[in-house]
Protein backbone atom coordinates (compact mmCIF):
# COMPACT_ATOMS: atom_id res chain seq x y z
CA MET A 1 -101.80 58.63 40.78
CA SER A 2 -104.52 57.96 38.25
CA LEU A 3 -104.21 58.89 34.41
CA ILE A 4 -106.82 61.54 34.78
CA GLY A 5 -105.13 62.85 38.07
CA LYS A 6 -101.66 63.00 35.97
CA VAL A 7 -103.09 65.16 33.32
CA PHE A 8 -104.62 67.43 35.65
CA GLU A 9 -101.27 67.71 37.63
CA GLU A 10 -99.30 68.62 34.43
CA LYS A 11 -101.72 71.01 32.54
CA LYS A 12 -105.15 72.53 32.44
CA PRO A 13 -106.64 70.25 30.28
CA LEU A 14 -109.26 70.52 27.49
CA ILE A 15 -111.57 67.60 27.90
CA CYS A 16 -113.71 67.02 24.64
CA TYR A 17 -117.17 65.24 24.69
CA PHE A 18 -118.23 63.05 21.59
CA MET A 19 -121.06 60.55 21.29
CA ALA A 20 -119.95 56.82 20.80
CA GLY A 21 -121.26 55.04 17.70
CA TYR A 22 -122.65 58.40 16.16
CA PRO A 23 -123.24 58.71 13.48
CA SER A 24 -121.60 55.23 12.85
CA VAL A 25 -118.92 53.22 14.96
CA GLU A 26 -116.29 54.30 12.57
CA LYS A 27 -117.41 57.75 12.12
CA SER A 28 -117.26 58.06 16.03
CA PHE A 29 -113.77 56.69 16.21
CA GLN A 30 -112.62 59.11 13.65
CA THR A 31 -114.00 61.72 15.73
CA ALA A 32 -112.18 60.59 18.68
CA ALA A 33 -108.85 60.50 16.73
CA ALA A 34 -109.51 64.02 15.34
CA LEU A 35 -110.05 65.49 18.79
CA ILE A 36 -106.90 63.87 20.30
CA GLU A 37 -104.48 64.77 17.24
CA ALA A 38 -105.69 68.31 17.44
CA GLY A 39 -104.92 68.65 21.05
CA ALA A 40 -107.77 67.25 23.39
CA ASP A 41 -105.91 66.17 26.57
CA ILE A 42 -108.98 63.91 27.90
CA LEU A 43 -111.95 62.34 26.22
CA GLU A 44 -115.42 62.23 27.54
CA VAL A 45 -117.29 59.37 25.87
CA GLY A 46 -120.78 59.67 25.58
CA LEU A 47 -122.79 56.39 25.76
CA PRO A 48 -126.17 56.59 23.88
CA PHE A 49 -129.16 56.55 25.92
CA SER A 50 -133.00 56.65 24.96
CA ASP A 51 -133.82 59.46 27.65
CA PRO A 52 -130.97 61.71 28.00
CA VAL A 53 -132.68 64.36 30.20
CA ALA A 54 -129.53 66.38 30.96
CA ASP A 55 -128.69 66.85 27.29
CA GLY A 56 -129.41 69.64 24.93
CA PRO A 57 -131.16 69.27 21.42
CA THR A 58 -127.63 68.74 19.64
CA ILE A 59 -126.72 65.70 21.85
CA GLN A 60 -130.21 64.51 22.19
CA VAL A 61 -130.12 63.69 18.48
CA ALA A 62 -126.92 62.03 18.63
CA HIS A 63 -128.32 59.85 21.41
CA GLU A 64 -131.20 59.07 19.46
CA LYS A 65 -129.52 58.12 16.10
CA ALA A 66 -127.07 55.81 18.26
CA VAL A 67 -129.88 54.09 20.03
CA LYS A 68 -131.93 53.65 16.77
CA ASP A 69 -128.82 52.22 15.05
CA GLY A 70 -128.59 49.83 17.97
CA ILE A 71 -125.42 50.93 19.51
CA THR A 72 -124.90 49.16 23.04
CA PRO A 73 -122.68 49.42 25.91
CA VAL A 74 -120.58 46.50 24.54
CA ASN A 75 -120.29 48.62 21.60
CA VAL A 76 -119.08 51.71 23.19
CA PHE A 77 -116.44 49.76 25.51
CA GLN A 78 -115.32 48.41 22.21
CA ILE A 79 -114.84 51.93 20.78
CA CYS A 80 -113.12 52.80 23.87
CA SER A 81 -110.66 50.00 23.72
CA ARG A 82 -109.91 50.83 20.12
CA ILE A 83 -108.89 54.50 21.28
CA LYS A 84 -107.05 53.35 24.19
CA ASP A 85 -104.87 50.99 22.01
CA LYS A 86 -103.86 53.79 19.73
CA TYR A 87 -103.77 56.79 22.23
CA PRO A 88 -102.70 54.89 25.76
CA ASP A 89 -101.87 58.17 27.56
CA VAL A 90 -105.23 60.02 26.88
CA PRO A 91 -107.92 59.32 29.61
CA LEU A 92 -111.20 58.24 28.87
CA ILE A 93 -114.03 59.07 30.97
CA LEU A 94 -117.62 57.31 30.38
CA MET A 95 -120.52 59.75 30.60
CA THR A 96 -123.50 57.46 30.93
CA TYR A 97 -126.90 57.53 32.59
CA TYR A 98 -127.36 55.31 35.36
CA ASN A 99 -129.54 52.74 33.69
CA PRO A 100 -127.21 50.96 31.39
CA ILE A 101 -124.96 50.51 34.47
CA PHE A 102 -128.15 49.00 36.61
CA VAL A 103 -129.27 46.62 33.78
CA MET A 104 -125.82 45.27 33.53
CA GLY A 105 -124.97 45.33 37.13
CA GLU A 106 -122.51 47.72 38.60
CA GLU A 107 -119.81 44.86 39.17
CA LYS A 108 -119.87 43.76 35.64
CA PHE A 109 -120.36 47.19 34.16
CA CYS A 110 -117.32 48.58 35.97
CA THR A 111 -114.92 45.33 35.38
CA LEU A 112 -115.74 45.70 31.41
CA ALA A 113 -115.04 49.47 31.56
CA LYS A 114 -111.61 49.03 33.14
CA GLU A 115 -110.67 46.13 30.82
CA ARG A 116 -111.65 48.36 27.72
CA GLY A 117 -109.46 51.19 28.78
CA ILE A 118 -111.86 53.63 30.47
CA ASP A 119 -110.61 55.58 33.21
CA GLY A 120 -113.71 57.16 35.01
CA PHE A 121 -117.14 57.82 34.98
CA ILE A 122 -119.53 60.87 35.00
CA VAL A 123 -123.33 59.43 35.92
CA PRO A 124 -125.47 62.95 35.74
CA ASP A 125 -128.56 61.21 37.07
CA LEU A 126 -126.84 59.43 39.93
CA PRO A 127 -127.45 61.60 43.07
CA PRO A 128 -124.19 61.63 45.15
CA GLU A 129 -126.41 60.59 48.12
CA GLU A 130 -127.10 57.22 46.46
CA ALA A 131 -123.82 56.58 44.60
CA GLU A 132 -121.60 55.20 47.70
CA ASN A 133 -121.83 51.51 46.49
CA PHE A 134 -121.16 52.38 42.73
CA LYS A 135 -118.25 54.78 43.80
CA ASN A 136 -116.71 51.89 46.03
CA VAL A 137 -117.14 49.37 43.34
CA ALA A 138 -115.60 51.75 40.70
CA ASN A 139 -112.84 52.62 42.76
CA SER A 140 -112.03 49.16 43.72
CA LYS A 141 -111.37 48.55 39.90
CA GLY A 142 -109.12 51.81 39.62
CA LEU A 143 -111.77 53.76 38.21
CA GLU A 144 -112.70 57.24 39.16
CA THR A 145 -116.05 58.94 39.86
CA ILE A 146 -116.79 62.65 39.14
CA PHE A 147 -119.63 64.42 40.05
CA LEU A 148 -121.27 67.49 38.85
CA LEU A 149 -122.20 70.86 40.70
CA ALA A 150 -124.48 73.84 39.26
CA PRO A 151 -124.67 77.38 40.15
CA THR A 152 -127.63 76.76 42.65
CA SER A 153 -125.44 74.04 44.63
CA HIS A 154 -125.26 75.08 48.31
CA GLU A 155 -122.19 74.53 50.63
CA LYS A 156 -123.61 71.17 52.18
CA ARG A 157 -124.07 69.96 48.62
CA ILE A 158 -120.53 71.18 47.51
CA LYS A 159 -119.02 69.30 50.53
CA ILE A 160 -120.93 66.17 49.61
CA ILE A 161 -119.87 66.38 45.67
CA GLY A 162 -116.24 66.84 46.79
CA SER A 163 -115.95 64.00 49.03
CA MET A 164 -117.57 61.76 46.06
CA SER A 165 -115.27 63.01 43.24
CA ASP A 166 -111.85 61.97 42.78
CA SER A 167 -109.57 63.90 40.63
CA PHE A 168 -111.75 66.55 39.69
CA ILE A 169 -115.29 68.03 40.04
CA TYR A 170 -117.48 69.07 36.95
CA TYR A 171 -118.74 72.52 37.23
CA VAL A 172 -121.79 73.43 35.08
CA SER A 173 -121.60 76.86 34.08
CA LEU A 174 -125.48 77.47 33.53
CA THR A 175 -128.58 76.08 34.89
CA GLY A 176 -130.59 73.80 32.35
CA ILE A 177 -129.59 71.65 29.60
CA THR A 178 -126.22 71.17 27.68
CA GLY A 179 -125.62 73.51 24.60
CA GLU A 180 -123.73 76.06 22.86
CA ARG A 181 -124.00 79.67 24.19
CA GLU A 182 -122.67 82.94 23.00
CA THR A 183 -121.50 84.05 26.61
CA LEU A 184 -121.29 82.83 30.02
CA PRO A 185 -121.95 84.43 33.42
CA TRP A 186 -118.43 85.23 34.13
CA GLU A 187 -118.70 86.96 37.35
CA GLU A 188 -120.88 84.43 39.08
CA LEU A 189 -118.93 81.54 37.43
CA GLU A 190 -115.61 82.88 39.05
CA LYS A 191 -117.06 83.39 42.23
CA LYS A 192 -118.62 79.83 42.29
CA VAL A 193 -115.38 77.87 41.41
CA LYS A 194 -113.36 79.99 43.94
CA GLN A 195 -115.83 78.73 46.36
CA ILE A 196 -115.73 75.18 45.29
CA LYS A 197 -112.11 75.00 45.26
CA LYS A 198 -111.93 76.41 48.79
CA ILE A 199 -114.61 73.98 50.23
CA THR A 200 -113.35 70.66 48.66
CA GLY A 201 -109.72 71.35 47.81
CA LYS A 202 -110.41 69.73 44.67
CA LYS A 203 -109.61 70.48 40.89
CA VAL A 204 -112.89 72.09 39.16
CA ALA A 205 -113.41 71.97 35.22
CA VAL A 206 -116.10 73.93 33.77
CA GLY A 207 -118.46 72.86 31.08
CA PHE A 208 -121.75 73.69 29.26
CA GLY A 209 -121.93 76.34 26.97
CA VAL A 210 -118.35 76.54 26.09
CA SER A 211 -117.91 76.63 22.11
CA LYS A 212 -115.32 79.43 21.12
CA LYS A 213 -111.75 80.60 21.78
CA GLU A 214 -113.08 83.58 23.76
CA HIS A 215 -114.64 81.17 26.32
CA THR A 216 -111.24 79.28 26.79
CA GLU A 217 -109.30 82.49 27.07
CA LYS A 218 -111.50 83.60 30.09
CA LEU A 219 -112.26 79.99 31.36
CA SER A 220 -108.35 79.21 31.59
CA GLN A 221 -108.14 82.22 34.21
CA ILE A 222 -110.75 80.68 36.41
CA ALA A 223 -110.81 77.04 36.19
CA ASP A 224 -108.46 73.97 36.23
CA GLY A 225 -109.97 72.31 33.10
CA ILE A 226 -112.58 73.23 30.55
CA ILE A 227 -115.06 70.80 28.83
CA VAL A 228 -116.66 71.37 25.51
CA GLY A 229 -119.59 69.12 24.17
CA SER A 230 -122.10 70.19 21.88
CA ALA A 231 -120.11 72.37 19.44
CA VAL A 232 -118.11 69.18 18.94
CA VAL A 233 -121.16 66.84 18.38
CA LYS A 234 -122.65 69.31 15.87
CA LEU A 235 -119.59 68.83 13.79
CA GLN A 236 -119.60 65.00 14.55
CA GLY A 237 -123.20 64.83 13.02
CA ARG A 238 -121.79 66.32 9.84
CA GLU A 239 -118.82 64.09 9.58
CA ASP A 240 -116.83 67.34 9.50
CA PHE A 241 -113.37 66.02 10.90
CA GLU A 242 -111.40 68.80 9.75
CA GLY A 243 -113.92 71.00 11.31
CA ILE A 244 -113.35 69.10 14.68
CA LYS A 245 -109.85 69.75 14.40
CA ASN A 246 -109.89 73.38 13.70
CA LEU A 247 -112.52 73.66 16.63
CA THR A 248 -110.25 71.82 19.24
CA LYS A 249 -107.15 73.80 17.92
CA GLN A 250 -108.81 77.08 18.60
CA LEU A 251 -110.14 76.26 21.97
CA LYS A 252 -106.61 75.14 22.78
CA GLU A 253 -105.21 78.57 21.60
CA GLY A 254 -107.26 80.03 23.95
CA MET A 255 -105.94 78.33 26.69
CA LYS A 256 -102.14 79.16 26.15
């Protein structure tokens, strides 16, 4: 069983996103350490990109700053390697747009990712209908692929995503871009997660809009895992590592 799959078998994980190289390489490593030490079960590592169309303002700022500072995929792999050396039991999922993979080449990208301790990929702009070769290359290296579903996803697409995702499916709780929200569409969310699980038989982790204990309290009754991003990146940009720890602890408390 993969490291990601093992964590999902043992618990409902809190998956925390941070931007590699933001606001500096060292500060991003400190962010990762703060998340893990406060209870994050899986890290989703953002790879800086110049045109992050799926991300909201907070994460866009992080992309822009890291790109401007010259953070490359190789730098991100080095950060991941350092995290894995210190925290070998924590899965790392690389969140990257497809262009950096295309430029480097799928084979080389996946080989380097595996060597640096990455366990899987989320590629939000790679349609599953066009992802078979990338999935095959990634899986051949022992890396997982995770795809996204949205509230508007129909049954046929749910089946396709289910066949292309490995340990879990990432369900986007809201249409639109990433970002913190005061509340989530609970009734629709519960109905959709049940539908996805019934059709695919896969674990479902919910992200987008999650930012407070009240969210994780409700989501832990619905989902198999919970993903938080913008709320972490906002604190990361302020270099507020105590704030990151406190947020993570609060979110975890809501999942008990």
